PDB file of N, CA and C in Angstrom:
ATOM      1  N   MET A   1     -20.479   7.287   0.043  1.00  0.00           N
ATOM      2  CA  MET A   1     -20.317   6.191   0.986  1.00  0.00           C
ATOM      3  C   MET A   1     -19.912   6.726   2.356  1.00  0.00           C
ATOM      4  N   GLN A   2     -20.766   6.545   3.293  1.00  0.00           N
ATOM      5  CA  GLN A   2     -20.481   7.067   4.624  1.00  0.00           C
ATOM      6  C   GLN A   2     -19.377   6.255   5.291  1.00  0.00           C
ATOM      7  N   ASP A   3     -19.362   4.957   5.104  1.00  0.00           N
ATOM      8  CA  ASP A   3     -18.330   4.141   5.739  1.00  0.00           C
ATOM      9  C   ASP A   3     -16.945   4.498   5.227  1.00  0.00           C
ATOM     10  N   LEU A   4     -16.827   4.735   3.928  1.00  0.00           N
ATOM     11  CA  LEU A   4     -15.541   5.117   3.353  1.00  0.00           C
ATOM     12  C   LEU A   4     -15.089   6.470   3.888  1.00  0.00           C
ATOM     13  N   ASP A   5     -16.010   7.403   3.983  1.00  0.00           N
ATOM     14  CA  ASP A   5     -15.661   8.726   4.520  1.00  0.00           C
ATOM     15  C   ASP A   5     -15.239   8.647   5.978  1.00  0.00           C
ATOM     16  N   SER A   6     -15.943   7.837   6.752  1.00  0.00           N
ATOM     17  CA  SER A   6     -15.566   7.713   8.162  1.00  0.00           C
ATOM     18  C   SER A   6     -14.241   6.968   8.310  1.00  0.00           C
ATOM     19  N   ALA A   7     -13.982   5.998   7.442  1.00  0.00           N
ATOM     20  CA  ALA A   7     -12.699   5.283   7.488  1.00  0.00           C
ATOM     21  C   ALA A   7     -11.555   6.224   7.143  1.00  0.00           C
ATOM     22  N   ASN A   8     -11.740   7.061   6.131  1.00  0.00           N
ATOM     23  CA  ASN A   8     -10.701   8.027   5.772  1.00  0.00           C
ATOM     24  C   ASN A   8     -10.464   9.031   6.895  1.00  0.00           C
ATOM     25  N   ALA A   9     -11.528   9.506   7.509  1.00  0.00           N
ATOM     26  CA  ALA A   9     -11.391  10.461   8.608  1.00  0.00           C
ATOM     27  C   ALA A   9     -10.663   9.825   9.788  1.00  0.00           C
ATOM     28  N   TYR A  10     -11.028   8.591  10.128  1.00  0.00           N
ATOM     29  CA  TYR A  10     -10.369   7.905  11.240  1.00  0.00           C
ATOM     30  C   TYR A  10      -8.893   7.674  10.935  1.00  0.00           C
ATOM     31  N   PHE A  11      -8.602   7.275   9.685  1.00  0.00           N
ATOM     32  CA  PHE A  11      -7.202   7.030   9.331  1.00  0.00           C
ATOM     33  C   PHE A  11      -6.392   8.315   9.420  1.00  0.00           C
ATOM     34  N   LYS A  12      -6.957   9.426   8.978  1.00  0.00           N
ATOM     35  CA  LYS A  12      -6.223  10.699   9.056  1.00  0.00           C
ATOM     36  C   LYS A  12      -5.902  11.059  10.502  1.00  0.00           C
ATOM     37  N   LYS A  13      -6.863  10.870  11.410  1.00  0.00           N
ATOM     38  CA  LYS A  13      -6.615  11.131  12.833  1.00  0.00           C
ATOM     39  C   LYS A  13      -5.533  10.205  13.376  1.00  0.00           C
ATOM     40  N   TRP A  14      -5.656   8.916  13.056  1.00  0.00           N
ATOM     41  CA  TRP A  14      -4.682   7.953  13.546  1.00  0.00           C
ATOM     42  C   TRP A  14      -3.311   8.232  12.963  1.00  0.00           C
ATOM     43  N   TYR A  15      -3.263   8.581  11.681  1.00  0.00           N
ATOM     44  CA  TYR A  15      -1.981   8.861  11.022  1.00  0.00           C
ATOM     45  C   TYR A  15      -1.291  10.050  11.693  1.00  0.00           C
ATOM     46  N   PHE A  16      -2.042  11.084  11.996  1.00  0.00           N
ATOM     47  CA  PHE A  16      -1.464  12.238  12.678  1.00  0.00           C
ATOM     48  C   PHE A  16      -0.891  11.823  14.029  1.00  0.00           C
ATOM     49  N   TRP A  17      -1.661  11.049  14.782  1.00  0.00           N
ATOM     50  CA  TRP A  17      -1.173  10.592  16.091  1.00  0.00           C
ATOM     51  C   TRP A  17       0.070   9.729  15.932  1.00  0.00           C
ATOM     52  N   ALA A  18       0.031   8.796  14.968  1.00  0.00           N
ATOM     53  CA  ALA A  18       1.140   7.858  14.807  1.00  0.00           C
ATOM     54  C   ALA A  18       2.415   8.564  14.380  1.00  0.00           C
ATOM     55  N   THR A  19       2.314   9.533  13.467  1.00  0.00           N
ATOM     56  CA  THR A  19       3.523  10.203  13.001  1.00  0.00           C
ATOM     57  C   THR A  19       4.093  11.169  14.033  1.00  0.00           C
ATOM     58  N   HIS A  20       3.290  11.546  15.004  1.00  0.00           N
ATOM     59  CA  HIS A  20       3.784  12.425  16.072  1.00  0.00           C
ATOM     60  C   HIS A  20       4.086  11.655  17.357  1.00  0.00           C
ATOM     61  N   SER A  21       4.087  10.348  17.311  1.00  0.00           N
ATOM     62  CA  SER A  21       4.268   9.553  18.526  1.00  0.00           C
ATOM     63  C   SER A  21       5.727   9.426  18.941  1.00  0.00           C
ATOM     64  N   ARG A  22       6.657   9.737  18.054  1.00  0.00           N
ATOM     65  CA  ARG A  22       8.099   9.618  18.311  1.00  0.00           C
ATOM     66  C   ARG A  22       8.550   8.185  18.502  1.00  0.00           C
ATOM     67  N   ILE A  23       7.720   7.233  18.148  1.00  0.00           N
ATOM     68  CA  ILE A  23       8.118   5.825  18.177  1.00  0.00           C
ATOM     69  C   ILE A  23       8.405   5.428  16.734  1.00  0.00           C
ATOM     70  N   HIS A  24       9.665   5.152  16.467  1.00  0.00           N
ATOM     71  CA  HIS A  24      10.120   4.942  15.090  1.00  0.00           C
ATOM     72  C   HIS A  24       9.333   3.848  14.371  1.00  0.00           C
ATOM     73  N   GLN A  25       9.078   2.734  15.020  1.00  0.00           N
ATOM     74  CA  GLN A  25       8.373   1.625  14.382  1.00  0.00           C
ATOM     75  C   GLN A  25       6.938   2.004  14.006  1.00  0.00           C
ATOM     76  N   ILE A  26       6.263   2.744  14.855  1.00  0.00           N
ATOM     77  CA  ILE A  26       4.880   3.162  14.567  1.00  0.00           C
ATOM     78  C   ILE A  26       4.856   4.170  13.422  1.00  0.00           C
ATOM     79  N   VAL A  27       5.839   5.054  13.382  1.00  0.00           N
ATOM     80  CA  VAL A  27       5.919   6.009  12.279  1.00  0.00           C
ATOM     81  C   VAL A  27       6.113   5.264  10.961  1.00  0.00           C
ATOM     82  N   ARG A  28       6.972   4.242  10.972  1.00  0.00           N
ATOM     83  CA  ARG A  28       7.201   3.450   9.746  1.00  0.00           C
ATOM     84  C   ARG A  28       5.932   2.738   9.305  1.00  0.00           C
ATOM     85  N   VAL A  29       5.206   2.143  10.236  1.00  0.00           N
ATOM     86  CA  VAL A  29       3.952   1.460   9.904  1.00  0.00           C
ATOM     87  C   VAL A  29       2.936   2.460   9.348  1.00  0.00           C
ATOM     88  N   ALA A  30       2.848   3.617   9.958  1.00  0.00           N
ATOM     89  CA  ALA A  30       1.895   4.629   9.497  1.00  0.00           C
ATOM     90  C   ALA A  30       2.212   5.067   8.076  1.00  0.00           C
ATOM     91  N   LYS A  31       3.483   5.285   7.777  1.00  0.00           N
ATOM     92  CA  LYS A  31       3.859   5.699   6.424  1.00  0.00           C
ATOM     93  C   LYS A  31       3.617   4.587   5.409  1.00  0.00           C
ATOM     94  N   THR A  32       3.853   3.349   5.814  1.00  0.00           N
ATOM     95  CA  THR A  32       3.575   2.224   4.921  1.00  0.00           C
ATOM     96  C   THR A  32       2.089   2.129   4.623  1.00  0.00           C
ATOM     97  N   LEU A  33       1.269   2.263   5.655  1.00  0.00           N
ATOM     98  CA  LEU A  33      -0.175   2.227   5.450  1.00  0.00           C
ATOM     99  C   LEU A  33      -0.650   3.377   4.566  1.00  0.00           C
ATOM    100  N   LYS A  34      -0.067   4.560   4.753  1.00  0.00           N
ATOM    101  CA  LYS A  34      -0.459   5.701   3.927  1.00  0.00           C
ATOM    102  C   LYS A  34      -0.094   5.453   2.466  1.00  0.00           C
ATOM    103  N   ASN A  35       1.069   4.855   2.217  1.00  0.00           N
ATOM    104  CA  ASN A  35       1.481   4.572   0.844  1.00  0.00           C
ATOM    105  C   ASN A  35       0.570   3.554   0.169  1.00  0.00           C
ATOM    106  N   HIS A  36      -0.026   2.655   0.938  1.00  0.00           N
ATOM    107  CA  HIS A  36      -0.862   1.590   0.386  1.00  0.00           C
ATOM    108  C   HIS A  36      -2.351   1.807   0.658  1.00  0.00           C
ATOM    109  N   TRP A  37      -2.727   2.983   1.130  1.00  0.00           N
ATOM    110  CA  TRP A  37      -4.105   3.223   1.544  1.00  0.00           C
ATOM    111  C   TRP A  37      -5.096   3.024   0.399  1.00  0.00           C
ATOM    112  N   ASP A  38      -4.762   3.462  -0.808  1.00  0.00           N
ATOM    113  CA  ASP A  38      -5.676   3.281  -1.937  1.00  0.00           C
ATOM    114  C   ASP A  38      -5.933   1.800  -2.210  1.00  0.00           C
ATOM    115  N   GLY A  39      -4.896   0.992  -2.131  1.00  0.00           N
ATOM    116  CA  GLY A  39      -5.063  -0.449  -2.336  1.00  0.00           C
ATOM    117  C   GLY A  39      -5.880  -1.103  -1.233  1.00  0.00           C
ATOM    118  N   ILE A  40      -5.708  -0.637  -0.014  1.00  0.00           N
ATOM    119  CA  ILE A  40      -6.477  -1.179   1.109  1.00  0.00           C
ATOM    120  C   ILE A  40      -7.955  -0.875   0.921  1.00  0.00           C
ATOM    121  N   ILE A  41      -8.265   0.361   0.565  1.00  0.00           N
ATOM    122  CA  ILE A  41      -9.657   0.749   0.328  1.00  0.00           C
ATOM    123  C   ILE A  41     -10.221   0.021  -0.892  1.00  0.00           C
ATOM    124  N   ASN A  42      -9.389  -0.168  -1.911  1.00  0.00           N
ATOM    125  CA  ASN A  42      -9.829  -0.854  -3.128  1.00  0.00           C
ATOM    126  C   ASN A  42     -10.271  -2.285  -2.827  1.00  0.00           C
ATOM    127  N   TYR A  43      -9.635  -2.948  -1.875  1.00  0.00           N
ATOM    128  CA  TYR A  43     -10.046  -4.297  -1.512  1.00  0.00           C
ATOM    129  C   TYR A  43     -11.500  -4.305  -1.028  1.00  0.00           C
ATOM    130  N   PHE A  44     -11.886  -3.330  -0.251  1.00  0.00           N
ATOM    131  CA  PHE A  44     -13.244  -3.300   0.282  1.00  0.00           C
ATOM    132  C   PHE A  44     -14.282  -2.967  -0.787  1.00  0.00           C
ATOM    133  N   HIS A  45     -13.850  -2.337  -1.868  1.00  0.00           N
ATOM    134  CA  HIS A  45     -14.753  -2.083  -2.994  1.00  0.00           C
ATOM    135  C   HIS A  45     -14.936  -3.325  -3.857  1.00  0.00           C
ATOM    136  N   ASN A  46     -13.834  -4.019  -4.159  1.00  0.00           N
ATOM    137  CA  ASN A  46     -13.854  -5.110  -5.146  1.00  0.00           C
ATOM    138  C   ASN A  46     -13.735  -6.513  -4.566  1.00  0.00           C
ATOM    139  N   ARG A  47     -13.180  -6.638  -3.382  1.00  0.00           N
ATOM    140  CA  ARG A  47     -12.939  -7.934  -2.734  1.00  0.00           C
ATOM    141  C   ARG A  47     -11.983  -8.809  -3.536  1.00  0.00           C
ATOM    142  N   TYR A  48     -11.021  -8.193  -4.213  1.00  0.00           N
ATOM    143  CA  TYR A  48      -9.991  -8.936  -4.939  1.00  0.00           C
ATOM    144  C   TYR A  48      -8.691  -8.852  -4.168  1.00  0.00           C
ATOM    145  N   THR A  49      -7.962  -9.958  -4.165  1.00  0.00           N
ATOM    146  CA  THR A  49      -6.625  -9.962  -3.595  1.00  0.00           C
ATOM    147  C   THR A  49      -5.661 -10.469  -4.650  1.00  0.00           C
ATOM    148  N   ASN A  50      -4.382 -10.440  -4.347  1.00  0.00           N
ATOM    149  CA  ASN A  50      -3.396 -10.945  -5.277  1.00  0.00           C
ATOM    150  C   ASN A  50      -2.965 -12.372  -4.924  1.00  0.00           C
ATOM    151  N   GLY A  51      -3.758 -13.069  -4.134  1.00  0.00           N
ATOM    152  CA  GLY A  51      -3.419 -14.426  -3.722  1.00  0.00           C
ATOM    153  C   GLY A  51      -3.286 -15.390  -4.876  1.00  0.00           C
ATOM    154  N   PHE A  52      -4.185 -15.310  -5.854  1.00  0.00           N
ATOM    155  CA  PHE A  52      -4.116 -16.196  -7.013  1.00  0.00           C
ATOM    156  C   PHE A  52      -2.820 -15.976  -7.789  1.00  0.00           C
ATOM    157  N   LEU A  53      -2.460 -14.715  -8.004  1.00  0.00           N
ATOM    158  CA  LEU A  53      -1.239 -14.416  -8.750  1.00  0.00           C
ATOM    159  C   LEU A  53       0.002 -14.850  -7.986  1.00  0.00           C
ATOM    160  N   ASP A  54       0.003 -14.703  -6.682  1.00  0.00           N
ATOM    161  CA  ASP A  54       1.136 -15.171  -5.891  1.00  0.00           C
ATOM    162  C   ASP A  54       1.288 -16.687  -5.990  1.00  0.00           C
ATOM    163  N   GLY A  55       0.173 -17.393  -5.954  1.00  0.00           N
ATOM    164  CA  GLY A  55       0.223 -18.846  -6.088  1.00  0.00           C
ATOM    165  C   GLY A  55       0.723 -19.271  -7.452  1.00  0.00           C
ATOM    166  N   LEU A  56       0.253 -18.609  -8.497  1.00  0.00           N
ATOM    167  CA  LEU A  56       0.709 -18.916  -9.854  1.00  0.00           C
ATOM    168  C   LEU A  56       2.188 -18.613 -10.011  1.00  0.00           C
ATOM    169  N   ASN A  57       2.635 -17.505  -9.462  1.00  0.00           N
ATOM    170  CA  ASN A  57       4.057 -17.167  -9.507  1.00  0.00           C
ATOM    171  C   ASN A  57       4.889 -18.224  -8.793  1.00  0.00           C
ATOM    172  N   SER A  58       4.402 -18.734  -7.693  1.00  0.00           N
ATOM    173  CA  SER A  58       5.110 -19.785  -6.966  1.00  0.00           C
ATOM    174  C   SER A  58       5.251 -21.044  -7.821  1.00  0.00           C
ATOM    175  N   LEU A  59       4.185 -21.409  -8.519  1.00  0.00           N
ATOM    176  CA  LEU A  59       4.243 -22.584  -9.393  1.00  0.00           C
ATOM    177  C   LEU A  59       5.232 -22.381 -10.528  1.00  0.00           C
ATOM    178  N   ILE A  60       5.239 -21.201 -11.110  1.00  0.00           N
ATOM    179  CA  ILE A  60       6.157 -20.915 -12.218  1.00  0.00           C
ATOM    180  C   ILE A  60       7.603 -20.920 -11.736  1.00  0.00           C
ATOM    181  N   GLN A  61       7.856 -20.372 -10.553  1.00  0.00           N
ATOM    182  CA  GLN A  61       9.215 -20.377 -10.014  1.00  0.00           C
ATOM    183  C   GLN A  61       9.680 -21.800  -9.711  1.00  0.00           C
ATOM    184  N   ALA A  62       8.767 -22.658  -9.253  1.00  0.00           N
ATOM    185  CA  ALA A  62       9.118 -24.062  -9.010  1.00  0.00           C
ATOM    186  C   ALA A  62       9.429 -24.771 -10.328  1.00  0.00           C
ATOM    187  N   LEU A  63       8.660 -24.486 -11.375  1.00  0.00           N
ATOM    188  CA  LEU A  63       8.925 -25.050 -12.692  1.00  0.00           C
ATOM    189  C   LEU A  63      10.295 -24.630 -13.186  1.00  0.00           C
ATOM    190  N   LYS A  64      10.628 -23.383 -13.000  1.00  0.00           N
ATOM    191  CA  LYS A  64      11.929 -22.856 -13.419  1.00  0.00           C
ATOM    192  C   LYS A  64      13.071 -23.509 -12.643  1.00  0.00           C
ATOM    193  N   ALA A  65      12.883 -23.692 -11.355  1.00  0.00           N
ATOM    194  CA  ALA A  65      13.930 -24.301 -10.529  1.00  0.00           C
ATOM    195  C   ALA A  65      14.120 -25.777 -10.863  1.00  0.00           C
ATOM    196  N   ASN A  66      13.027 -26.489 -11.111  1.00  0.00           N
ATOM    197  CA  ASN A  66      13.131 -27.914 -11.420  1.00  0.00           C
ATOM    198  C   ASN A  66      13.718 -28.174 -12.797  1.00  0.00           C
ATOM    199  N   SER A  67      13.622 -27.214 -13.696  1.00  0.00           N
ATOM    200  CA  SER A  67      14.088 -27.431 -15.057  1.00  0.00           C
ATOM    201  C   SER A  67      15.588 -27.244 -15.184  1.00  0.00           C
ATOM    202  N   ARG A  68      16.195 -26.549 -14.254  1.00  0.00           N
ATOM    203  CA  ARG A  68      17.610 -26.215 -14.295  1.00  0.00           C
ATOM    204  C   ARG A  68      17.957 -25.368 -15.518  1.00  0.00           C
ATOM    205  N   GLY A  69      17.013 -24.518 -15.921  1.00  0.00           N
ATOM    206  CA  GLY A  69      17.271 -23.540 -16.978  1.00  0.00           C
ATOM    207  C   GLY A  69      16.655 -23.901 -18.317  1.00  0.00           C
ATOM    208  N   TYR A  70      16.364 -22.883 -19.087  1.00  0.00           N
ATOM    209  CA  TYR A  70      15.867 -23.042 -20.456  1.00  0.00           C
ATOM    210  C   TYR A  70      16.791 -22.276 -21.377  1.00  0.00           C
ATOM    211  N   ARG A  71      16.845 -22.679 -22.638  1.00  0.00           N
ATOM    212  CA  ARG A  71      17.737 -22.008 -23.579  1.00  0.00           C
ATOM    213  C   ARG A  71      17.316 -20.570 -23.847  1.00  0.00           C
ATOM    214  N   ASN A  72      16.016 -20.352 -23.917  1.00  0.00           N
ATOM    215  CA  ASN A  72      15.550 -18.990 -24.172  1.00  0.00           C
ATOM    216  C   ASN A  72      14.179 -18.803 -23.527  1.00  0.00           C
ATOM    217  N   ASP A  73      13.702 -17.578 -23.571  1.00  0.00           N
ATOM    218  CA  ASP A  73      12.435 -17.246 -22.935  1.00  0.00           C
ATOM    219  C   ASP A  73      11.245 -17.903 -23.626  1.00  0.00           C
ATOM    220  N   ASP A  74      11.348 -18.100 -24.944  1.00  0.00           N
ATOM    221  CA  ASP A  74      10.249 -18.748 -25.669  1.00  0.00           C
ATOM    222  C   ASP A  74      10.018 -20.177 -25.185  1.00  0.00           C
ATOM    223  N   ASN A  75      11.096 -20.910 -24.957  1.00  0.00           N
ATOM    224  CA  ASN A  75      10.952 -22.279 -24.435  1.00  0.00           C
ATOM    225  C   ASN A  75      10.352 -22.280 -23.034  1.00  0.00           C
ATOM    226  N   PHE A  76      10.756 -21.313 -22.229  1.00  0.00           N
ATOM    227  CA  PHE A  76      10.224 -21.210 -20.875  1.00  0.00           C
ATOM    228  C   PHE A  76       8.722 -20.897 -20.908  1.00  0.00           C
ATOM    229  N   MET A  77       8.312 -19.954 -21.751  1.00  0.00           N
ATOM    230  CA  MET A  77       6.891 -19.623 -21.869  1.00  0.00           C
ATOM    231  C   MET A  77       6.092 -20.812 -22.395  1.00  0.00           C
ATOM    232  N   THR A  78       6.663 -21.572 -23.311  1.00  0.00           N
ATOM    233  CA  THR A  78       5.980 -22.751 -23.832  1.00  0.00           C
ATOM    234  C   THR A  78       5.737 -23.764 -22.724  1.00  0.00           C
ATOM    235  N   MET A  79       6.717 -23.969 -21.869  1.00  0.00           N
ATOM    236  CA  MET A  79       6.555 -24.913 -20.757  1.00  0.00           C
ATOM    237  C   MET A  79       5.501 -24.413 -19.757  1.00  0.00           C
ATOM    238  N   ILE A  80       5.463 -23.113 -19.534  1.00  0.00           N
ATOM    239  CA  ILE A  80       4.442 -22.566 -18.631  1.00  0.00           C
ATOM    240  C   ILE A  80       3.059 -22.837 -19.197  1.00  0.00           C
ATOM    241  N   TYR A  81       2.865 -22.575 -20.495  1.00  0.00           N
ATOM    242  CA  TYR A  81       1.564 -22.820 -21.120  1.00  0.00           C
ATOM    243  C   TYR A  81       1.195 -24.292 -21.097  1.00  0.00           C
ATOM    244  N   LEU A  82       2.173 -25.147 -21.371  1.00  0.00           N
ATOM    245  CA  LEU A  82       1.880 -26.583 -21.379  1.00  0.00           C
ATOM    246  C   LEU A  82       1.532 -27.091 -19.992  1.00  0.00           C
ATOM    247  N   ARG A  83       2.240 -26.589 -18.986  1.00  0.00           N
ATOM    248  CA  ARG A  83       2.058 -27.097 -17.631  1.00  0.00           C
ATOM    249  C   ARG A  83       0.824 -26.515 -16.948  1.00  0.00           C
ATOM    250  N   TYR A  84       0.613 -25.201 -17.102  1.00  0.00           N
ATOM    251  CA  TYR A  84      -0.414 -24.537 -16.312  1.00  0.00           C
ATOM    252  C   TYR A  84      -1.501 -23.861 -17.145  1.00  0.00           C
ATOM    253  N   GLY A  85      -1.453 -23.979 -18.450  1.00  0.00           N
ATOM    254  CA  GLY A  85      -2.408 -23.292 -19.304  1.00  0.00           C
ATOM    255  C   GLY A  85      -3.735 -23.987 -19.468  1.00  0.00           C
ATOM    256  N   GLN A  86      -3.906 -25.172 -18.919  1.00  0.00           N
ATOM    257  CA  GLN A  86      -5.142 -25.949 -19.031  1.00  0.00           C
ATOM    258  C   GLN A  86      -5.561 -26.095 -20.496  1.00  0.00           C
ATOM    259  N   LEU A  87      -4.574 -26.407 -21.327  1.00  0.00           N
ATOM    260  CA  LEU A  87      -4.824 -26.584 -22.753  1.00  0.00           C
ATOM    261  C   LEU A  87      -5.469 -27.940 -22.997  1.00  0.00           C
ATOM    262  N   LYS A  88      -6.378 -27.990 -23.929  1.00  0.00           N
ATOM    263  CA  LYS A  88      -7.015 -29.244 -24.341  1.00  0.00           C
ATOM    264  C   LYS A  88      -6.259 -29.776 -25.551  1.00  0.00           C
ATOM    265  N   ILE A  89      -5.432 -30.780 -25.329  1.00  0.00           N
ATOM    266  CA  ILE A  89      -4.624 -31.335 -26.423  1.00  0.00           C
ATOM    267  C   ILE A  89      -5.230 -32.646 -26.885  1.00  0.00           C
TER     268      ILE A  89
END
């Protein structure tokens, strides 16, 4: 893939410049991007994001907050399945 190779080459050049810029915030951003570079490239291969999982987690956290607690984890999982499992009862 030529685009992937050129993107990696450009990032390496930019990363070198950013880490030698002596601007603390830019160095932090560059290191963060380097740590997540595989995931960034993976998005362009698969076009998947974690948006669906974040939304589902938000719904589950709201269920937990509205319930004011469950006796055990099994009851909590049962409520998650009943509420969001799209079960045909």
